[in-house]
Amino acid sequence: MQNCSIQNARLEETGFSYTMSLIQGKYKLFILYALSEYGIVRYNELKRYLEGISFKTLSKSLHELEADGLIIRREYPQIPPKVEYSLSEDGKTLMPVLDQLCEWGDIHRK
């Protein structure tokens, strides 16, 4: 077994730090959860599902998740505009981790 020392450790060089950089934020995990549970979801559906989120915050979170390759944004050229969001292949690989968080919460919530 390798002897680890926190004195020489660099948190920013860990997989944990990278993962957290992708999903940190008040609503990103909720967005990922919604897309995992409901598949393809439109913007206004997400807005209603995430009660209390502002349009600006939802738009920013969606943009960041798309830029990080965790979700796919599909825009249809019609009036009124139609935009749908779904998990990307990379986003889908994150779902087992999210499922484990859900299971832990189901077991430990009172």
C-alpha atoms as a PDB file:
ATOM      1  CA  MET A   1       0.000   0.000   0.000  1.00  0.00           C
ATOM      2  CA  GLN A   2       1.247   3.473  -0.889  1.00  0.00           C
ATOM      3  CA  ASN A   3       1.961   5.831   2.007  1.00  0.00           C
ATOM      4  CA  CYS A   4      -0.069   9.011   1.427  1.00  0.00           C
ATOM      5  CA  SER A   5       0.713  12.346   3.015  1.00  0.00           C
ATOM      6  CA  ILE A   6      -1.563  15.350   2.891  1.00  0.00           C
ATOM      7  CA  GLN A   7       1.501  17.578   2.984  1.00  0.00           C
ATOM      8  CA  ASN A   8       2.387  16.601  -0.594  1.00  0.00           C
ATOM      9  CA  ALA A   9      -1.166  16.227  -1.885  1.00  0.00           C
ATOM     10  CA  ARG A  10      -2.683  18.616  -4.408  1.00  0.00           C
ATOM     11  CA  LEU A  11      -6.471  18.498  -4.395  1.00  0.00           C
ATOM     12  CA  GLU A  12      -6.742  20.301  -7.737  1.00  0.00           C
ATOM     13  CA  GLU A  13      -4.924  17.403  -9.430  1.00  0.00           C
ATOM     14  CA  THR A  14      -7.444  14.765  -8.365  1.00  0.00           C
ATOM     15  CA  GLY A  15     -10.329  13.207 -10.231  1.00  0.00           C
ATOM     16  CA  PHE A  16     -12.545  14.342  -7.368  1.00  0.00           C
ATOM     17  CA  SER A  17     -11.637  17.969  -8.008  1.00  0.00           C
ATOM     18  CA  TYR A  18     -12.268  17.619 -11.741  1.00  0.00           C
ATOM     19  CA  THR A  19     -15.659  16.000 -11.172  1.00  0.00           C
ATOM     20  CA  MET A  20     -16.661  18.658  -8.670  1.00  0.00           C
ATOM     21  CA  SER A  21     -15.665  21.402 -11.108  1.00  0.00           C
ATOM     22  CA  LEU A  22     -18.224  19.984 -13.556  1.00  0.00           C
ATOM     23  CA  ILE A  23     -21.143  19.482 -11.181  1.00  0.00           C
ATOM     24  CA  GLN A  24     -20.699  22.143  -8.509  1.00  0.00           C
ATOM     25  CA  GLY A  25     -23.377  24.748  -8.346  1.00  0.00           C
ATOM     26  CA  LYS A  26     -26.748  24.884  -6.696  1.00  0.00           C
ATOM     27  CA  TYR A  27     -28.754  23.366  -9.548  1.00  0.00           C
ATOM     28  CA  LYS A  28     -26.474  21.315 -11.801  1.00  0.00           C
ATOM     29  CA  LEU A  29     -27.086  18.023 -10.007  1.00  0.00           C
ATOM     30  CA  PHE A  30     -30.825  18.691 -10.051  1.00  0.00           C
ATOM     31  CA  ILE A  31     -30.703  19.329 -13.802  1.00  0.00           C
ATOM     32  CA  LEU A  32     -28.723  16.136 -14.376  1.00  0.00           C
ATOM     33  CA  TYR A  33     -31.158  14.216 -12.169  1.00  0.00           C
ATOM     34  CA  ALA A  34     -34.162  15.552 -14.113  1.00  0.00           C
ATOM     35  CA  LEU A  35     -32.610  14.617 -17.456  1.00  0.00           C
ATOM     36  CA  SER A  36     -31.716  11.187 -16.125  1.00  0.00           C
ATOM     37  CA  GLU A  37     -35.241  10.552 -14.859  1.00  0.00           C
ATOM     38  CA  TYR A  38     -37.261  12.142 -17.670  1.00  0.00           C
ATOM     39  CA  GLY A  39     -35.034  11.864 -20.751  1.00  0.00           C
ATOM     40  CA  ILE A  40     -35.510  14.712 -23.194  1.00  0.00           C
ATOM     41  CA  VAL A  41     -36.774  17.818 -21.409  1.00  0.00           C
ATOM     42  CA  ARG A  42     -37.644  21.283 -22.674  1.00  0.00           C
ATOM     43  CA  TYR A  43     -36.398  24.475 -21.048  1.00  0.00           C
ATOM     44  CA  ASN A  44     -39.751  25.531 -19.563  1.00  0.00           C
ATOM     45  CA  GLU A  45     -40.316  22.032 -18.171  1.00  0.00           C
ATOM     46  CA  LEU A  46     -36.987  22.276 -16.352  1.00  0.00           C
ATOM     47  CA  LYS A  47     -37.900  25.757 -15.119  1.00  0.00           C
ATOM     48  CA  ARG A  48     -41.164  24.459 -13.631  1.00  0.00           C
ATOM     49  CA  TYR A  49     -39.479  21.353 -12.179  1.00  0.00           C
ATOM     50  CA  LEU A  50     -36.778  23.414 -10.457  1.00  0.00           C
ATOM     51  CA  GLU A  51     -39.076  25.713  -8.505  1.00  0.00           C
ATOM     52  CA  GLY A  52     -37.422  28.961  -7.532  1.00  0.00           C
ATOM     53  CA  ILE A  53     -34.604  28.919 -10.098  1.00  0.00           C
ATOM     54  CA  SER A  54     -34.262  32.129 -12.081  1.00  0.00           C
ATOM     55  CA  PHE A  55     -34.160  32.132 -15.882  1.00  0.00           C
ATOM     56  CA  LYS A  56     -30.600  33.504 -15.734  1.00  0.00           C
ATOM     57  CA  THR A  57     -29.358  30.789 -13.371  1.00  0.00           C
ATOM     58  CA  LEU A  58     -31.021  27.996 -15.337  1.00  0.00           C
ATOM     59  CA  SER A  59     -29.618  29.304 -18.622  1.00  0.00           C
ATOM     60  CA  LYS A  60     -26.130  29.644 -17.150  1.00  0.00           C
ATOM     61  CA  SER A  61     -26.200  26.163 -15.603  1.00  0.00           C
ATOM     62  CA  LEU A  62     -27.429  24.587 -18.837  1.00  0.00           C
ATOM     63  CA  HIS A  63     -24.782  26.430 -20.845  1.00  0.00           C
ATOM     64  CA  GLU A  64     -22.018  25.244 -18.495  1.00  0.00           C
ATOM     65  CA  LEU A  65     -23.237  21.636 -18.521  1.00  0.00           C
ATOM     66  CA  GLU A  66     -23.347  21.723 -22.324  1.00  0.00           C
ATOM     67  CA  ALA A  67     -19.873  23.290 -22.554  1.00  0.00           C
ATOM     68  CA  ASP A  68     -18.540  20.561 -20.244  1.00  0.00           C
ATOM     69  CA  GLY A  69     -20.058  17.874 -22.460  1.00  0.00           C
ATOM     70  CA  LEU A  70     -22.544  16.496 -19.923  1.00  0.00           C
ATOM     71  CA  ILE A  71     -25.733  17.494 -21.741  1.00  0.00           C
ATOM     72  CA  ILE A  72     -26.870  18.011 -25.312  1.00  0.00           C
ATOM     73  CA  ARG A  73     -28.877  21.040 -26.395  1.00  0.00           C
ATOM     74  CA  ARG A  74     -31.019  20.591 -29.465  1.00  0.00           C
ATOM     75  CA  GLU A  75     -32.656  23.629 -31.022  1.00  0.00           C
ATOM     76  CA  TYR A  76     -35.427  23.350 -33.595  1.00  0.00           C
ATOM     77  CA  PRO A  77     -35.771  26.159 -36.157  1.00  0.00           C
ATOM     78  CA  GLN A  78     -39.399  27.058 -35.637  1.00  0.00           C
ATOM     79  CA  ILE A  79     -41.516  29.813 -34.189  1.00  0.00           C
ATOM     80  CA  PRO A  80     -41.816  29.875 -31.259  1.00  0.00           C
ATOM     81  CA  PRO A  81     -38.336  28.438 -30.702  1.00  0.00           C
ATOM     82  CA  LYS A  82     -38.192  24.902 -29.355  1.00  0.00           C
ATOM     83  CA  VAL A  83     -35.136  23.775 -27.369  1.00  0.00           C
ATOM     84  CA  GLU A  84     -34.675  20.348 -25.799  1.00  0.00           C
ATOM     85  CA  TYR A  85     -32.013  19.056 -23.429  1.00  0.00           C
ATOM     86  CA  SER A  86     -30.824  15.519 -22.835  1.00  0.00           C
ATOM     87  CA  LEU A  87     -27.850  13.748 -21.307  1.00  0.00           C
ATOM     88  CA  SER A  88     -24.783  13.232 -23.472  1.00  0.00           C
ATOM     89  CA  GLU A  89     -22.927   9.920 -23.424  1.00  0.00           C
ATOM     90  CA  ASP A  90     -20.503  11.381 -20.856  1.00  0.00           C
ATOM     91  CA  GLY A  91     -23.442  12.623 -18.813  1.00  0.00           C
ATOM     92  CA  LYS A  92     -24.967   9.154 -18.829  1.00  0.00           C
ATOM     93  CA  THR A  93     -21.751   7.689 -17.403  1.00  0.00           C
ATOM     94  CA  LEU A  94     -22.152  10.016 -14.405  1.00  0.00           C
ATOM     95  CA  MET A  95     -25.608   8.624 -13.583  1.00  0.00           C
ATOM     96  CA  PRO A  96     -24.456   5.569 -11.566  1.00  0.00           C
ATOM     97  CA  VAL A  97     -22.727   7.986  -9.194  1.00  0.00           C
ATOM     98  CA  LEU A  98     -25.884  10.092  -8.947  1.00  0.00           C
ATOM     99  CA  ASP A  99     -27.948   6.935  -8.383  1.00  0.00           C
ATOM    100  CA  GLN A 100     -25.687   6.045  -5.456  1.00  0.00           C
ATOM    101  CA  LEU A 101     -26.276   9.491  -3.939  1.00  0.00           C
ATOM    102  CA  CYS A 102     -30.038   8.964  -4.298  1.00  0.00           C
ATOM    103  CA  GLU A 103     -29.858   5.535  -2.666  1.00  0.00           C
ATOM    104  CA  TRP A 104     -27.805   6.919   0.214  1.00  0.00           C
ATOM    105  CA  GLY A 105     -30.366   9.668   0.714  1.00  0.00           C
ATOM    106  CA  ASP A 106     -33.281   7.211   0.664  1.00  0.00           C
ATOM    107  CA  ILE A 107     -31.572   5.107   3.344  1.00  0.00           C
ATOM    108  CA  HIS A 108     -30.510   7.955   5.620  1.00  0.00           C
ATOM    109  CA  ARG A 109     -33.311  10.500   5.379  1.00  0.00           C
ATOM    110  CA  LYS A 110     -35.603  10.703   8.343  1.00  0.00           C
END
